[in-house]
Amino acid sequence: MIIDNLRNYKFYEFLPEDIFIGLDFLTKIDTNIELGVYEVNENVKAIISEYETMESFKHGYEAHRKVVDIQYPLIGRERVLWSHKKDLKLTQEYNTFKDVEYYGTTNIDVNRVDIGNGVFAIMFPSDAHGPQEYIDKPELIKKATIKINY
């Protein structure tokens, strides 16, 4: 996982080109962007969504095998739980169509990352993440999730 402020995105030019293209896209979108799916290129798409943050992500942790996620709230903030998926217990087998598998916690310490207000997170296939948690109280957020084919 990489966590940083979007103002530092040029530092990540060393990453695979499509990841950098996704970061660059985030720097150019406006908070008024319409909800929906935007094709950035053949390997990169942006999903713009809105939802209310909650006490805990109903699925526990999710992980993907075929995409790298860049998550960035455009409006509001959210807490994302994170762990390496090898440290968690698989609770729902891999769904090839949706490219997702779900995990539950074990006796490990939970890592928390707060994103929004300029802070983004990049999640790689080894990163299990539980998004959508509130920080202080539930709030409606508008979020860009960049999906990069891996």
N, C-alpha and C. Protein backbone atom coordinates (compact mmCIF):
# COMPACT_ATOMS: atom_id res chain seq x y z
N MET A 1 0.85 -1.17 0.00
CA MET A 1 0.00 0.00 0.00
C MET A 1 0.89 1.23 0.00
N ILE A 2 0.45 2.22 -0.74
CA ILE A 2 1.11 3.52 -0.73
C ILE A 2 0.08 4.54 -0.28
N ILE A 3 0.47 5.39 0.65
CA ILE A 3 -0.38 6.48 1.14
C ILE A 3 0.41 7.76 0.99
N ASP A 4 -0.21 8.76 0.39
CA ASP A 4 0.50 10.03 0.21
C ASP A 4 -0.52 11.12 -0.09
N ASN A 5 -0.02 12.34 -0.18
CA ASN A 5 -0.84 13.48 -0.58
C ASN A 5 -0.76 13.61 -2.09
N LEU A 6 -1.87 13.92 -2.71
CA LEU A 6 -1.94 14.01 -4.17
C LEU A 6 -0.98 15.07 -4.72
N ARG A 7 -0.64 16.06 -3.93
CA ARG A 7 0.30 17.08 -4.43
C ARG A 7 1.68 16.47 -4.72
N ASN A 8 1.96 15.28 -4.19
CA ASN A 8 3.24 14.60 -4.41
C ASN A 8 3.17 13.56 -5.52
N TYR A 9 2.11 13.56 -6.33
CA TYR A 9 1.89 12.47 -7.28
C TYR A 9 3.02 12.31 -8.29
N LYS A 10 3.72 13.39 -8.64
CA LYS A 10 4.78 13.27 -9.64
C LYS A 10 5.94 12.41 -9.16
N PHE A 11 6.05 12.25 -7.86
CA PHE A 11 7.08 11.38 -7.31
C PHE A 11 6.90 9.94 -7.79
N TYR A 12 5.67 9.57 -8.14
CA TYR A 12 5.35 8.18 -8.47
C TYR A 12 5.47 7.87 -9.96
N GLU A 13 6.18 8.71 -10.70
CA GLU A 13 6.41 8.42 -12.12
C GLU A 13 7.20 7.13 -12.31
N PHE A 14 7.91 6.66 -11.29
CA PHE A 14 8.69 5.42 -11.40
C PHE A 14 7.80 4.17 -11.38
N LEU A 15 6.56 4.31 -10.93
CA LEU A 15 5.64 3.17 -10.91
C LEU A 15 5.21 2.85 -12.34
N PRO A 16 4.58 1.69 -12.56
CA PRO A 16 4.08 1.40 -13.90
C PRO A 16 3.24 2.57 -14.45
N GLU A 17 3.37 2.79 -15.73
CA GLU A 17 2.78 3.97 -16.38
C GLU A 17 1.29 4.12 -16.09
N ASP A 18 0.53 3.03 -16.11
CA ASP A 18 -0.91 3.15 -15.90
C ASP A 18 -1.26 3.62 -14.50
N ILE A 19 -0.46 3.27 -13.50
CA ILE A 19 -0.70 3.78 -12.15
C ILE A 19 -0.48 5.28 -12.12
N PHE A 20 0.59 5.73 -12.76
CA PHE A 20 0.85 7.16 -12.80
C PHE A 20 -0.25 7.89 -13.58
N ILE A 21 -0.74 7.30 -14.66
CA ILE A 21 -1.84 7.90 -15.43
C ILE A 21 -3.07 8.05 -14.53
N GLY A 22 -3.34 7.04 -13.70
CA GLY A 22 -4.46 7.14 -12.76
C GLY A 22 -4.29 8.27 -11.76
N LEU A 23 -3.10 8.40 -11.22
CA LEU A 23 -2.83 9.51 -10.29
C LEU A 23 -2.97 10.86 -10.99
N ASP A 24 -2.44 10.95 -12.19
CA ASP A 24 -2.54 12.19 -12.96
C ASP A 24 -4.00 12.55 -13.22
N PHE A 25 -4.82 11.55 -13.54
CA PHE A 25 -6.25 11.78 -13.76
C PHE A 25 -6.88 12.41 -12.52
N LEU A 26 -6.52 11.91 -11.34
CA LEU A 26 -7.09 12.46 -10.10
C LEU A 26 -6.78 13.94 -9.94
N THR A 27 -5.61 14.37 -10.39
CA THR A 27 -5.24 15.78 -10.22
C THR A 27 -6.05 16.70 -11.14
N LYS A 28 -6.71 16.14 -12.14
CA LYS A 28 -7.41 16.94 -13.16
C LYS A 28 -8.92 16.94 -13.01
N ILE A 29 -9.47 16.08 -12.13
CA ILE A 29 -10.92 16.05 -12.03
C ILE A 29 -11.41 17.05 -10.99
N ASP A 30 -12.59 17.52 -11.22
CA ASP A 30 -13.24 18.51 -10.37
C ASP A 30 -14.22 17.78 -9.44
N THR A 31 -14.46 18.34 -8.29
CA THR A 31 -15.41 17.72 -7.35
C THR A 31 -16.83 17.67 -7.92
N ASN A 32 -17.11 18.45 -8.95
CA ASN A 32 -18.44 18.45 -9.56
C ASN A 32 -18.60 17.36 -10.63
N ILE A 33 -17.60 16.51 -10.82
CA ILE A 33 -17.69 15.46 -11.81
C ILE A 33 -18.93 14.60 -11.55
N GLU A 34 -19.60 14.19 -12.61
CA GLU A 34 -20.79 13.36 -12.49
C GLU A 34 -20.42 11.96 -12.00
N LEU A 35 -21.34 11.35 -11.27
CA LEU A 35 -21.14 9.97 -10.83
C LEU A 35 -21.13 9.07 -12.06
N GLY A 36 -20.34 8.01 -12.01
CA GLY A 36 -20.30 7.08 -13.12
C GLY A 36 -18.93 6.50 -13.32
N VAL A 37 -18.76 5.82 -14.45
CA VAL A 37 -17.51 5.16 -14.80
C VAL A 37 -16.90 5.89 -15.99
N TYR A 38 -15.63 6.21 -15.88
CA TYR A 38 -14.89 6.93 -16.92
C TYR A 38 -13.71 6.09 -17.37
N GLU A 39 -13.63 5.84 -18.67
CA GLU A 39 -12.48 5.12 -19.19
C GLU A 39 -11.36 6.12 -19.44
N VAL A 40 -10.27 5.95 -18.72
CA VAL A 40 -9.12 6.84 -18.86
C VAL A 40 -8.25 6.35 -20.03
N ASN A 41 -8.00 5.05 -20.07
CA ASN A 41 -7.39 4.39 -21.22
C ASN A 41 -7.82 2.93 -21.19
N GLU A 42 -7.27 2.10 -22.04
CA GLU A 42 -7.72 0.70 -22.11
C GLU A 42 -7.42 -0.10 -20.84
N ASN A 43 -6.53 0.38 -19.99
CA ASN A 43 -6.17 -0.32 -18.75
C ASN A 43 -6.58 0.40 -17.48
N VAL A 44 -7.12 1.59 -17.62
CA VAL A 44 -7.41 2.42 -16.44
C VAL A 44 -8.84 2.96 -16.55
N LYS A 45 -9.62 2.75 -15.49
CA LYS A 45 -10.94 3.37 -15.43
C LYS A 45 -11.12 4.02 -14.07
N ALA A 46 -11.96 5.03 -14.05
CA ALA A 46 -12.27 5.75 -12.81
C ALA A 46 -13.75 5.54 -12.51
N ILE A 47 -14.04 5.16 -11.27
CA ILE A 47 -15.41 5.02 -10.80
C ILE A 47 -15.66 6.14 -9.80
N ILE A 48 -16.63 6.99 -10.12
CA ILE A 48 -16.98 8.10 -9.23
C ILE A 48 -18.28 7.70 -8.54
N SER A 49 -18.25 7.64 -7.21
CA SER A 49 -19.41 7.19 -6.44
C SER A 49 -19.62 8.10 -5.24
N GLU A 50 -20.81 7.99 -4.68
CA GLU A 50 -21.15 8.68 -3.43
C GLU A 50 -21.76 7.66 -2.49
N TYR A 51 -21.43 7.77 -1.22
CA TYR A 51 -22.05 6.92 -0.22
C TYR A 51 -21.81 7.51 1.16
N GLU A 52 -22.58 7.02 2.09
CA GLU A 52 -22.46 7.41 3.50
C GLU A 52 -21.43 6.48 4.15
N THR A 53 -20.44 7.06 4.81
CA THR A 53 -19.50 6.23 5.56
C THR A 53 -20.24 5.59 6.73
N MET A 54 -19.70 4.47 7.22
CA MET A 54 -20.40 3.70 8.24
C MET A 54 -19.44 3.24 9.33
N GLU A 55 -19.99 2.59 10.31
CA GLU A 55 -19.16 2.13 11.43
C GLU A 55 -18.14 1.09 10.98
N SER A 56 -18.55 0.16 10.12
CA SER A 56 -17.60 -0.83 9.60
C SER A 56 -18.06 -1.34 8.24
N PHE A 57 -17.10 -1.69 7.42
CA PHE A 57 -17.36 -2.21 6.08
C PHE A 57 -17.98 -3.58 6.21
N LYS A 58 -19.15 -3.77 5.62
CA LYS A 58 -19.93 -5.00 5.86
C LYS A 58 -19.23 -6.28 5.44
N HIS A 59 -18.27 -6.20 4.51
CA HIS A 59 -17.58 -7.40 4.04
C HIS A 59 -16.28 -7.68 4.79
N GLY A 60 -15.90 -6.84 5.71
CA GLY A 60 -14.62 -7.00 6.40
C GLY A 60 -13.52 -6.37 5.57
N TYR A 61 -12.77 -7.19 4.86
CA TYR A 61 -11.71 -6.72 3.98
C TYR A 61 -11.94 -7.31 2.59
N GLU A 62 -11.60 -6.55 1.56
CA GLU A 62 -11.66 -7.07 0.20
C GLU A 62 -10.28 -7.00 -0.42
N ALA A 63 -10.04 -7.85 -1.39
CA ALA A 63 -8.78 -7.82 -2.14
C ALA A 63 -9.09 -8.19 -3.58
N HIS A 64 -8.27 -7.70 -4.47
CA HIS A 64 -8.43 -7.95 -5.91
C HIS A 64 -7.18 -8.64 -6.44
N ARG A 65 -7.35 -9.44 -7.45
CA ARG A 65 -6.20 -10.12 -8.06
C ARG A 65 -5.77 -9.49 -9.37
N LYS A 66 -6.70 -8.81 -10.05
CA LYS A 66 -6.41 -8.33 -11.40
C LYS A 66 -6.32 -6.81 -11.52
N VAL A 67 -6.56 -6.10 -10.44
CA VAL A 67 -6.49 -4.64 -10.50
C VAL A 67 -5.73 -4.07 -9.30
N VAL A 68 -5.15 -2.92 -9.53
CA VAL A 68 -4.61 -2.07 -8.47
C VAL A 68 -5.65 -0.98 -8.28
N ASP A 69 -6.00 -0.69 -7.03
CA ASP A 69 -6.95 0.39 -6.71
C ASP A 69 -6.20 1.62 -6.26
N ILE A 70 -6.64 2.77 -6.76
CA ILE A 70 -6.27 4.04 -6.14
C ILE A 70 -7.56 4.61 -5.60
N GLN A 71 -7.63 4.86 -4.31
CA GLN A 71 -8.85 5.39 -3.70
C GLN A 71 -8.58 6.79 -3.18
N TYR A 72 -9.54 7.68 -3.53
CA TYR A 72 -9.36 9.08 -3.19
C TYR A 72 -10.71 9.78 -3.04
N PRO A 73 -11.13 10.09 -1.80
CA PRO A 73 -12.34 10.88 -1.65
C PRO A 73 -12.15 12.30 -2.18
N LEU A 74 -13.02 12.70 -3.08
CA LEU A 74 -13.00 14.06 -3.62
C LEU A 74 -13.64 15.03 -2.64
N ILE A 75 -14.67 14.55 -1.97
CA ILE A 75 -15.39 15.33 -0.95
C ILE A 75 -15.53 14.45 0.28
N GLY A 76 -15.10 14.92 1.41
CA GLY A 76 -15.21 14.17 2.65
C GLY A 76 -13.98 13.30 2.89
N ARG A 77 -14.05 12.53 3.96
CA ARG A 77 -12.94 11.65 4.35
C ARG A 77 -13.51 10.31 4.78
N GLU A 78 -12.67 9.28 4.68
CA GLU A 78 -13.06 7.97 5.16
C GLU A 78 -11.86 7.25 5.73
N ARG A 79 -12.14 6.29 6.58
CA ARG A 79 -11.11 5.43 7.16
C ARG A 79 -11.13 4.12 6.39
N VAL A 80 -9.93 3.63 6.07
CA VAL A 80 -9.77 2.35 5.39
C VAL A 80 -8.94 1.45 6.29
N LEU A 81 -9.47 0.28 6.59
CA LEU A 81 -8.70 -0.71 7.32
C LEU A 81 -7.81 -1.42 6.32
N TRP A 82 -6.62 -1.81 6.74
CA TRP A 82 -5.68 -2.43 5.82
C TRP A 82 -4.91 -3.54 6.50
N SER A 83 -4.64 -4.60 5.74
CA SER A 83 -3.75 -5.66 6.18
C SER A 83 -3.25 -6.40 4.95
N HIS A 84 -2.10 -7.01 5.07
CA HIS A 84 -1.65 -7.91 4.01
C HIS A 84 -2.60 -9.10 4.06
N LYS A 85 -3.10 -9.54 2.91
CA LYS A 85 -4.13 -10.57 2.92
C LYS A 85 -3.63 -11.92 3.48
N LYS A 86 -2.34 -12.16 3.45
CA LYS A 86 -1.83 -13.42 4.02
C LYS A 86 -2.01 -13.47 5.54
N ASP A 87 -2.24 -12.32 6.18
CA ASP A 87 -2.44 -12.26 7.62
C ASP A 87 -3.91 -12.38 8.04
N LEU A 88 -4.79 -12.55 7.05
CA LEU A 88 -6.23 -12.59 7.33
C LEU A 88 -6.82 -13.94 6.97
N LYS A 89 -8.03 -14.16 7.41
CA LYS A 89 -8.74 -15.40 7.12
C LYS A 89 -9.71 -15.17 5.96
N LEU A 90 -9.60 -15.99 4.92
CA LEU A 90 -10.50 -15.90 3.78
C LEU A 90 -11.91 -16.25 4.22
N THR A 91 -12.88 -15.37 3.95
CA THR A 91 -14.27 -15.62 4.34
C THR A 91 -15.17 -15.85 3.14
N GLN A 92 -14.75 -15.37 1.96
CA GLN A 92 -15.55 -15.59 0.75
C GLN A 92 -14.58 -15.82 -0.41
N GLU A 93 -14.73 -16.96 -1.07
CA GLU A 93 -13.84 -17.34 -2.15
C GLU A 93 -13.80 -16.29 -3.26
N TYR A 94 -12.74 -16.35 -4.02
CA TYR A 94 -12.52 -15.40 -5.12
C TYR A 94 -13.63 -15.51 -6.16
N ASN A 95 -14.19 -14.37 -6.52
CA ASN A 95 -15.19 -14.25 -7.58
C ASN A 95 -14.47 -13.71 -8.81
N THR A 96 -14.27 -14.56 -9.81
CA THR A 96 -13.51 -14.16 -11.00
C THR A 96 -14.22 -13.07 -11.79
N PHE A 97 -15.54 -13.10 -11.82
CA PHE A 97 -16.29 -12.10 -12.58
C PHE A 97 -16.12 -10.70 -11.96
N LYS A 98 -16.22 -10.62 -10.64
CA LYS A 98 -16.11 -9.33 -9.94
C LYS A 98 -14.68 -9.01 -9.51
N ASP A 99 -13.76 -9.95 -9.67
CA ASP A 99 -12.37 -9.80 -9.23
C ASP A 99 -12.30 -9.34 -7.77
N VAL A 100 -12.91 -10.12 -6.90
CA VAL A 100 -12.88 -9.77 -5.48
C VAL A 100 -12.95 -11.04 -4.63
N GLU A 101 -12.25 -11.00 -3.53
CA GLU A 101 -12.36 -12.01 -2.48
C GLU A 101 -12.42 -11.26 -1.17
N TYR A 102 -13.06 -11.87 -0.17
CA TYR A 102 -13.26 -11.19 1.11
C TYR A 102 -12.57 -11.93 2.23
N TYR A 103 -12.11 -11.16 3.20
CA TYR A 103 -11.37 -11.68 4.34
C TYR A 103 -11.96 -11.14 5.64
N GLY A 104 -11.76 -11.88 6.69
CA GLY A 104 -12.13 -11.44 8.03
C GLY A 104 -10.88 -11.27 8.87
N THR A 105 -11.04 -10.62 9.99
CA THR A 105 -9.88 -10.36 10.84
C THR A 105 -9.45 -11.60 11.59
N THR A 106 -8.22 -11.56 12.01
CA THR A 106 -7.68 -12.59 12.89
C THR A 106 -7.24 -11.86 14.16
N ASN A 107 -6.24 -12.33 14.83
CA ASN A 107 -5.78 -11.69 16.06
C ASN A 107 -4.68 -10.67 15.82
N ILE A 108 -4.60 -10.15 14.62
CA ILE A 108 -3.57 -9.16 14.32
C ILE A 108 -4.06 -7.76 14.68
N ASP A 109 -3.12 -6.86 14.84
CA ASP A 109 -3.49 -5.46 15.03
C ASP A 109 -4.07 -4.92 13.74
N VAL A 110 -5.09 -4.10 13.85
CA VAL A 110 -5.73 -3.51 12.69
C VAL A 110 -5.01 -2.22 12.32
N ASN A 111 -4.69 -2.09 11.06
CA ASN A 111 -4.07 -0.86 10.55
C ASN A 111 -5.17 0.01 9.97
N ARG A 112 -5.11 1.29 10.27
CA ARG A 112 -6.12 2.25 9.80
C ARG A 112 -5.44 3.36 9.02
N VAL A 113 -6.07 3.72 7.91
CA VAL A 113 -5.57 4.80 7.06
C VAL A 113 -6.73 5.74 6.79
N ASP A 114 -6.55 7.01 7.06
CA ASP A 114 -7.58 8.01 6.76
C ASP A 114 -7.25 8.69 5.44
N ILE A 115 -8.19 8.62 4.50
CA ILE A 115 -7.97 9.23 3.19
C ILE A 115 -8.99 10.33 2.94
N GLY A 116 -8.63 11.25 2.06
CA GLY A 116 -9.43 12.43 1.76
C GLY A 116 -8.62 13.66 2.14
N ASN A 117 -9.15 14.84 1.84
CA ASN A 117 -8.42 16.09 2.10
C ASN A 117 -7.01 16.03 1.52
N GLY A 118 -6.91 15.50 0.31
CA GLY A 118 -5.63 15.44 -0.38
C GLY A 118 -4.92 14.11 -0.28
N VAL A 119 -5.31 13.24 0.65
CA VAL A 119 -4.62 11.98 0.86
C VAL A 119 -5.29 10.85 0.06
N PHE A 120 -4.47 10.11 -0.69
CA PHE A 120 -4.94 8.97 -1.46
C PHE A 120 -4.25 7.71 -0.95
N ALA A 121 -4.77 6.56 -1.37
CA ALA A 121 -4.15 5.27 -1.06
C ALA A 121 -4.14 4.42 -2.32
N ILE A 122 -3.01 3.75 -2.55
CA ILE A 122 -2.89 2.79 -3.65
C ILE A 122 -2.86 1.41 -3.01
N MET A 123 -3.77 0.54 -3.43
CA MET A 123 -3.84 -0.82 -2.92
C MET A 123 -3.46 -1.80 -4.02
N PHE A 124 -2.48 -2.63 -3.72
CA PHE A 124 -2.00 -3.64 -4.65
C PHE A 124 -2.71 -4.97 -4.38
N PRO A 125 -2.57 -5.97 -5.25
CA PRO A 125 -3.28 -7.23 -5.04
C PRO A 125 -3.01 -7.92 -3.70
N SER A 126 -1.90 -7.65 -3.07
CA SER A 126 -1.63 -8.25 -1.75
C SER A 126 -2.28 -7.47 -0.61
N ASP A 127 -2.85 -6.32 -0.90
CA ASP A 127 -3.44 -5.45 0.13
C ASP A 127 -4.92 -5.72 0.29
N ALA A 128 -5.31 -6.27 1.43
CA ALA A 128 -6.72 -6.40 1.76
C ALA A 128 -7.15 -5.11 2.43
N HIS A 129 -8.28 -4.58 2.00
CA HIS A 129 -8.69 -3.28 2.52
C HIS A 129 -10.19 -3.26 2.81
N GLY A 130 -10.53 -2.56 3.88
CA GLY A 130 -11.92 -2.40 4.30
C GLY A 130 -12.25 -0.92 4.28
N PRO A 131 -12.80 -0.41 3.16
CA PRO A 131 -13.11 1.01 3.03
C PRO A 131 -14.44 1.36 3.69
N GLN A 132 -14.85 2.58 3.51
CA GLN A 132 -16.17 3.10 3.86
C GLN A 132 -16.41 3.35 5.34
N GLU A 133 -15.40 3.25 6.18
CA GLU A 133 -15.62 3.53 7.59
C GLU A 133 -15.58 5.04 7.86
N TYR A 134 -16.39 5.46 8.80
CA TYR A 134 -16.34 6.87 9.18
C TYR A 134 -15.17 7.12 10.12
N ILE A 135 -14.76 8.38 10.18
CA ILE A 135 -13.65 8.75 11.06
C ILE A 135 -14.20 9.23 12.41
N ASP A 136 -14.99 10.29 12.40
CA ASP A 136 -15.59 10.80 13.63
C ASP A 136 -17.08 10.50 13.69
N LYS A 137 -17.72 10.63 12.55
CA LYS A 137 -19.16 10.37 12.45
C LYS A 137 -19.47 10.07 10.98
N PRO A 138 -20.60 9.41 10.72
CA PRO A 138 -20.96 9.13 9.33
C PRO A 138 -21.07 10.42 8.52
N GLU A 139 -20.62 10.35 7.28
CA GLU A 139 -20.76 11.50 6.38
C GLU A 139 -20.89 11.02 4.95
N LEU A 140 -21.56 11.81 4.14
CA LEU A 140 -21.69 11.52 2.71
C LEU A 140 -20.39 11.93 2.04
N ILE A 141 -19.76 11.00 1.35
CA ILE A 141 -18.54 11.34 0.63
C ILE A 141 -18.73 11.09 -0.85
N LYS A 142 -17.93 11.77 -1.63
CA LYS A 142 -17.85 11.54 -3.07
C LYS A 142 -16.44 11.04 -3.32
N LYS A 143 -16.33 9.89 -3.97
CA LYS A 143 -15.04 9.22 -4.04
C LYS A 143 -14.71 8.81 -5.46
N ALA A 144 -13.43 8.94 -5.79
CA ALA A 144 -12.91 8.40 -7.04
C ALA A 144 -12.12 7.15 -6.71
N THR A 145 -12.48 6.06 -7.35
CA THR A 145 -11.71 4.81 -7.25
C THR A 145 -11.17 4.51 -8.64
N ILE A 146 -9.87 4.54 -8.76
CA ILE A 146 -9.21 4.26 -10.03
C ILE A 146 -8.87 2.77 -10.05
N LYS A 147 -9.27 2.09 -11.09
CA LYS A 147 -8.99 0.66 -11.27
C LYS A 147 -7.99 0.51 -12.39
N ILE A 148 -6.82 -0.06 -12.07
CA ILE A 148 -5.76 -0.26 -13.06
C ILE A 148 -5.60 -1.75 -13.28
N ASN A 149 -5.77 -2.20 -14.51
CA ASN A 149 -5.57 -3.62 -14.82
C ASN A 149 -4.15 -4.00 -14.50
N TYR A 150 -4.00 -5.09 -13.79
CA TYR A 150 -2.70 -5.53 -13.29
C TYR A 150 -2.17 -6.64 -14.16
